[in-house]
Amino acid sequence: MMFFRLRLKRNIFPLPVFETERLIFRPMTMDDLNDLYDLASLSKTVEHLPWGPHLNLFETKCFLESVVEKMKRFRYFEWGIELRKEKK
């Protein structure tokens, strides 16, 4: 699971899902917690991000809850990038 951000000036609902042969780009949900922690806890994967590696699952949970809450307001999107084959 990877993620990217997009800010829009108008509301889009429901949030779109984009699919390729290899990838699924979709809104993140709380079901992504463990996969996101696996990614966010690695120094190498966050070295170019403004935050350091997550030290525990609680940090990731707080981050993901804030993302989900912002998406509910329809003006903030963070899509998860899921490897179709691995389902994560």
N, C-alpha and C. Protein backbone atom coordinates (compact mmCIF):
# COMPACT_ATOMS: atom_id res chain seq x y z
N MET A 1 0.84 -1.17 0.00
CA MET A 1 0.00 0.00 0.00
C MET A 1 0.88 1.23 0.00
N MET A 2 0.65 2.09 -0.95
CA MET A 2 1.29 3.39 -1.01
C MET A 2 0.16 4.40 -1.03
N PHE A 3 0.48 5.68 -0.98
CA PHE A 3 -0.58 6.67 -1.05
C PHE A 3 -0.10 7.93 -1.73
N PHE A 4 -1.06 8.70 -2.23
CA PHE A 4 -0.75 10.02 -2.75
C PHE A 4 -1.91 10.95 -2.47
N ARG A 5 -1.62 12.26 -2.43
CA ARG A 5 -2.60 13.28 -2.06
C ARG A 5 -3.04 14.07 -3.28
N LEU A 6 -4.28 14.53 -3.20
CA LEU A 6 -4.81 15.41 -4.23
C LEU A 6 -5.83 16.33 -3.57
N ARG A 7 -5.67 17.62 -3.76
CA ARG A 7 -6.64 18.59 -3.25
C ARG A 7 -7.43 19.13 -4.43
N LEU A 8 -8.73 19.14 -4.28
CA LEU A 8 -9.60 19.62 -5.34
C LEU A 8 -10.40 20.80 -4.85
N LYS A 9 -10.81 21.66 -5.78
CA LYS A 9 -11.59 22.84 -5.42
C LYS A 9 -13.09 22.56 -5.44
N ARG A 10 -13.48 21.40 -5.93
CA ARG A 10 -14.91 21.08 -5.92
C ARG A 10 -15.09 19.66 -5.39
N ASN A 11 -16.28 19.36 -4.97
CA ASN A 11 -16.57 18.06 -4.40
C ASN A 11 -16.73 16.99 -5.47
N ILE A 12 -16.20 15.82 -5.17
CA ILE A 12 -16.38 14.65 -6.04
C ILE A 12 -16.85 13.53 -5.13
N PHE A 13 -18.02 12.99 -5.41
CA PHE A 13 -18.52 11.90 -4.61
C PHE A 13 -19.37 11.00 -5.48
N PRO A 14 -19.24 9.70 -5.40
CA PRO A 14 -18.26 9.00 -4.57
C PRO A 14 -16.85 9.16 -5.13
N LEU A 15 -15.89 8.96 -4.27
CA LEU A 15 -14.50 9.07 -4.71
C LEU A 15 -14.21 8.02 -5.77
N PRO A 16 -13.54 8.40 -6.83
CA PRO A 16 -13.28 7.44 -7.91
C PRO A 16 -12.22 6.41 -7.54
N VAL A 17 -12.33 5.27 -8.18
CA VAL A 17 -11.32 4.21 -8.08
C VAL A 17 -10.77 4.04 -9.48
N PHE A 18 -9.44 4.04 -9.59
CA PHE A 18 -8.78 3.85 -10.87
C PHE A 18 -8.08 2.50 -10.85
N GLU A 19 -8.19 1.76 -11.92
CA GLU A 19 -7.57 0.44 -11.97
C GLU A 19 -6.73 0.29 -13.24
N THR A 20 -5.59 -0.35 -13.05
CA THR A 20 -4.75 -0.76 -14.18
C THR A 20 -4.59 -2.27 -14.08
N GLU A 21 -3.85 -2.82 -14.97
CA GLU A 21 -3.62 -4.26 -14.93
C GLU A 21 -2.93 -4.68 -13.63
N ARG A 22 -2.04 -3.84 -13.12
CA ARG A 22 -1.24 -4.15 -11.94
C ARG A 22 -1.70 -3.49 -10.65
N LEU A 23 -2.33 -2.30 -10.78
CA LEU A 23 -2.59 -1.47 -9.61
C LEU A 23 -4.06 -1.09 -9.46
N ILE A 24 -4.43 -0.80 -8.22
CA ILE A 24 -5.74 -0.22 -7.92
C ILE A 24 -5.48 1.05 -7.10
N PHE A 25 -5.96 2.18 -7.60
CA PHE A 25 -5.87 3.46 -6.90
C PHE A 25 -7.24 3.69 -6.28
N ARG A 26 -7.30 3.74 -4.94
CA ARG A 26 -8.58 3.83 -4.27
C ARG A 26 -8.46 4.64 -2.99
N PRO A 27 -9.58 5.17 -2.51
CA PRO A 27 -9.54 5.88 -1.24
C PRO A 27 -9.10 4.94 -0.12
N MET A 28 -8.31 5.45 0.81
CA MET A 28 -7.87 4.62 1.94
C MET A 28 -9.00 4.50 2.95
N THR A 29 -9.02 3.39 3.66
CA THR A 29 -10.00 3.13 4.72
C THR A 29 -9.26 2.62 5.95
N MET A 30 -9.96 2.52 7.04
CA MET A 30 -9.35 2.00 8.27
C MET A 30 -8.92 0.54 8.10
N ASP A 31 -9.46 -0.15 7.11
CA ASP A 31 -9.02 -1.53 6.83
C ASP A 31 -7.57 -1.58 6.35
N ASP A 32 -7.02 -0.44 5.95
CA ASP A 32 -5.64 -0.36 5.47
C ASP A 32 -4.62 -0.18 6.59
N LEU A 33 -5.07 -0.14 7.82
CA LEU A 33 -4.20 0.20 8.95
C LEU A 33 -2.92 -0.64 9.00
N ASN A 34 -3.03 -1.95 9.01
CA ASN A 34 -1.83 -2.78 9.16
C ASN A 34 -0.89 -2.67 7.96
N ASP A 35 -1.44 -2.65 6.76
CA ASP A 35 -0.60 -2.52 5.56
C ASP A 35 0.09 -1.16 5.54
N LEU A 36 -0.63 -0.11 5.92
CA LEU A 36 -0.04 1.22 5.95
C LEU A 36 1.06 1.31 7.01
N TYR A 37 0.84 0.70 8.15
CA TYR A 37 1.88 0.69 9.19
C TYR A 37 3.13 -0.03 8.69
N ASP A 38 2.94 -1.17 8.01
CA ASP A 38 4.10 -1.89 7.46
C ASP A 38 4.93 -0.99 6.56
N LEU A 39 4.27 -0.15 5.80
CA LEU A 39 4.96 0.78 4.90
C LEU A 39 5.53 1.98 5.65
N ALA A 40 4.71 2.60 6.49
CA ALA A 40 5.10 3.84 7.15
C ALA A 40 6.14 3.65 8.25
N SER A 41 6.36 2.43 8.68
CA SER A 41 7.34 2.19 9.75
C SER A 41 8.75 1.97 9.21
N LEU A 42 8.90 1.94 7.90
CA LEU A 42 10.21 1.72 7.28
C LEU A 42 10.88 3.06 6.95
N SER A 43 12.07 3.26 7.47
CA SER A 43 12.81 4.51 7.22
C SER A 43 12.97 4.78 5.73
N LYS A 44 13.27 3.77 4.97
CA LYS A 44 13.54 3.92 3.54
C LYS A 44 12.31 4.44 2.78
N THR A 45 11.12 4.01 3.19
CA THR A 45 9.93 4.41 2.44
C THR A 45 9.45 5.82 2.77
N VAL A 46 9.92 6.39 3.89
CA VAL A 46 9.46 7.73 4.27
C VAL A 46 10.59 8.76 4.26
N GLU A 47 11.74 8.39 3.72
CA GLU A 47 12.89 9.29 3.80
C GLU A 47 12.68 10.63 3.10
N HIS A 48 11.79 10.72 2.12
CA HIS A 48 11.55 11.98 1.41
C HIS A 48 10.22 12.63 1.81
N LEU A 49 9.64 12.15 2.89
CA LEU A 49 8.38 12.69 3.37
C LEU A 49 8.65 13.62 4.56
N PRO A 50 7.72 14.52 4.86
CA PRO A 50 7.96 15.47 5.95
C PRO A 50 7.89 14.85 7.35
N TRP A 51 7.49 13.60 7.45
CA TRP A 51 7.43 12.92 8.74
C TRP A 51 8.34 11.70 8.72
N GLY A 52 8.80 11.32 9.87
CA GLY A 52 9.68 10.15 9.99
C GLY A 52 8.87 8.87 10.07
N PRO A 53 9.57 7.75 10.21
CA PRO A 53 8.87 6.46 10.28
C PRO A 53 7.95 6.40 11.51
N HIS A 54 6.83 5.74 11.34
CA HIS A 54 5.91 5.54 12.46
C HIS A 54 6.53 4.53 13.41
N LEU A 55 6.51 4.87 14.69
CA LEU A 55 7.15 4.02 15.70
C LEU A 55 6.22 2.94 16.24
N ASN A 56 4.93 3.13 16.05
CA ASN A 56 3.98 2.13 16.53
C ASN A 56 2.67 2.23 15.74
N LEU A 57 1.83 1.24 15.93
CA LEU A 57 0.56 1.17 15.20
C LEU A 57 -0.36 2.34 15.56
N PHE A 58 -0.25 2.85 16.79
CA PHE A 58 -1.08 3.97 17.21
C PHE A 58 -0.83 5.21 16.35
N GLU A 59 0.44 5.49 16.03
CA GLU A 59 0.76 6.64 15.16
C GLU A 59 0.08 6.50 13.81
N THR A 60 0.15 5.31 13.25
CA THR A 60 -0.47 5.07 11.95
C THR A 60 -1.98 5.19 12.05
N LYS A 61 -2.55 4.68 13.13
CA LYS A 61 -4.00 4.76 13.34
C LYS A 61 -4.44 6.22 13.40
N CYS A 62 -3.73 7.05 14.13
CA CYS A 62 -4.07 8.48 14.21
C CYS A 62 -3.98 9.14 12.85
N PHE A 63 -2.91 8.83 12.10
CA PHE A 63 -2.75 9.40 10.76
C PHE A 63 -3.91 8.97 9.86
N LEU A 64 -4.21 7.67 9.86
CA LEU A 64 -5.25 7.15 8.98
C LEU A 64 -6.63 7.69 9.37
N GLU A 65 -6.89 7.82 10.66
CA GLU A 65 -8.16 8.42 11.09
C GLU A 65 -8.30 9.85 10.58
N SER A 66 -7.20 10.60 10.61
CA SER A 66 -7.26 11.99 10.12
C SER A 66 -7.50 12.02 8.61
N VAL A 67 -6.90 11.11 7.89
CA VAL A 67 -7.10 11.03 6.43
C VAL A 67 -8.57 10.70 6.13
N VAL A 68 -9.09 9.70 6.80
CA VAL A 68 -10.48 9.28 6.57
C VAL A 68 -11.44 10.43 6.91
N GLU A 69 -11.18 11.12 8.00
CA GLU A 69 -12.03 12.25 8.39
C GLU A 69 -11.97 13.37 7.35
N LYS A 70 -10.78 13.69 6.86
CA LYS A 70 -10.64 14.74 5.84
C LYS A 70 -11.35 14.35 4.55
N MET A 71 -11.29 13.07 4.20
CA MET A 71 -11.96 12.63 2.98
C MET A 71 -13.47 12.77 3.11
N LYS A 72 -14.00 12.61 4.32
CA LYS A 72 -15.44 12.76 4.54
C LYS A 72 -15.90 14.18 4.22
N ARG A 73 -14.99 15.12 4.32
CA ARG A 73 -15.33 16.52 4.02
C ARG A 73 -15.28 16.79 2.51
N PHE A 74 -14.88 15.82 1.71
CA PHE A 74 -14.89 15.87 0.24
C PHE A 74 -13.89 16.84 -0.38
N ARG A 75 -13.00 17.37 0.38
CA ARG A 75 -12.05 18.32 -0.21
C ARG A 75 -10.61 17.85 -0.07
N TYR A 76 -10.42 16.65 0.36
CA TYR A 76 -9.07 16.14 0.60
C TYR A 76 -9.06 14.66 0.28
N PHE A 77 -8.16 14.25 -0.56
CA PHE A 77 -8.14 12.86 -0.99
C PHE A 77 -6.75 12.27 -0.82
N GLU A 78 -6.68 11.10 -0.31
CA GLU A 78 -5.44 10.32 -0.30
C GLU A 78 -5.81 8.93 -0.77
N TRP A 79 -5.44 8.64 -1.99
CA TRP A 79 -5.72 7.33 -2.52
C TRP A 79 -4.63 6.35 -2.10
N GLY A 80 -5.06 5.16 -1.76
CA GLY A 80 -4.11 4.09 -1.55
C GLY A 80 -3.77 3.49 -2.90
N ILE A 81 -2.55 3.08 -3.07
CA ILE A 81 -2.14 2.40 -4.31
C ILE A 81 -1.90 0.95 -3.93
N GLU A 82 -2.79 0.11 -4.37
CA GLU A 82 -2.78 -1.30 -3.99
C GLU A 82 -2.25 -2.15 -5.13
N LEU A 83 -1.35 -3.06 -4.80
CA LEU A 83 -0.89 -4.02 -5.80
C LEU A 83 -2.00 -5.07 -5.95
N ARG A 84 -2.57 -5.14 -7.12
CA ARG A 84 -3.72 -6.02 -7.36
C ARG A 84 -3.41 -7.46 -6.97
N LYS A 85 -2.24 -7.93 -7.36
CA LYS A 85 -1.86 -9.33 -7.13
C LYS A 85 -1.72 -9.65 -5.64
N GLU A 86 -1.16 -8.71 -4.88
CA GLU A 86 -0.92 -8.93 -3.45
C GLU A 86 -2.07 -8.50 -2.56
N LYS A 87 -3.00 -7.72 -3.12
CA LYS A 87 -4.13 -7.18 -2.37
C LYS A 87 -3.67 -6.39 -1.15
N LYS A 88 -2.58 -5.64 -1.34
CA LYS A 88 -2.09 -4.76 -0.29
C LYS A 88 -1.23 -3.66 -0.87
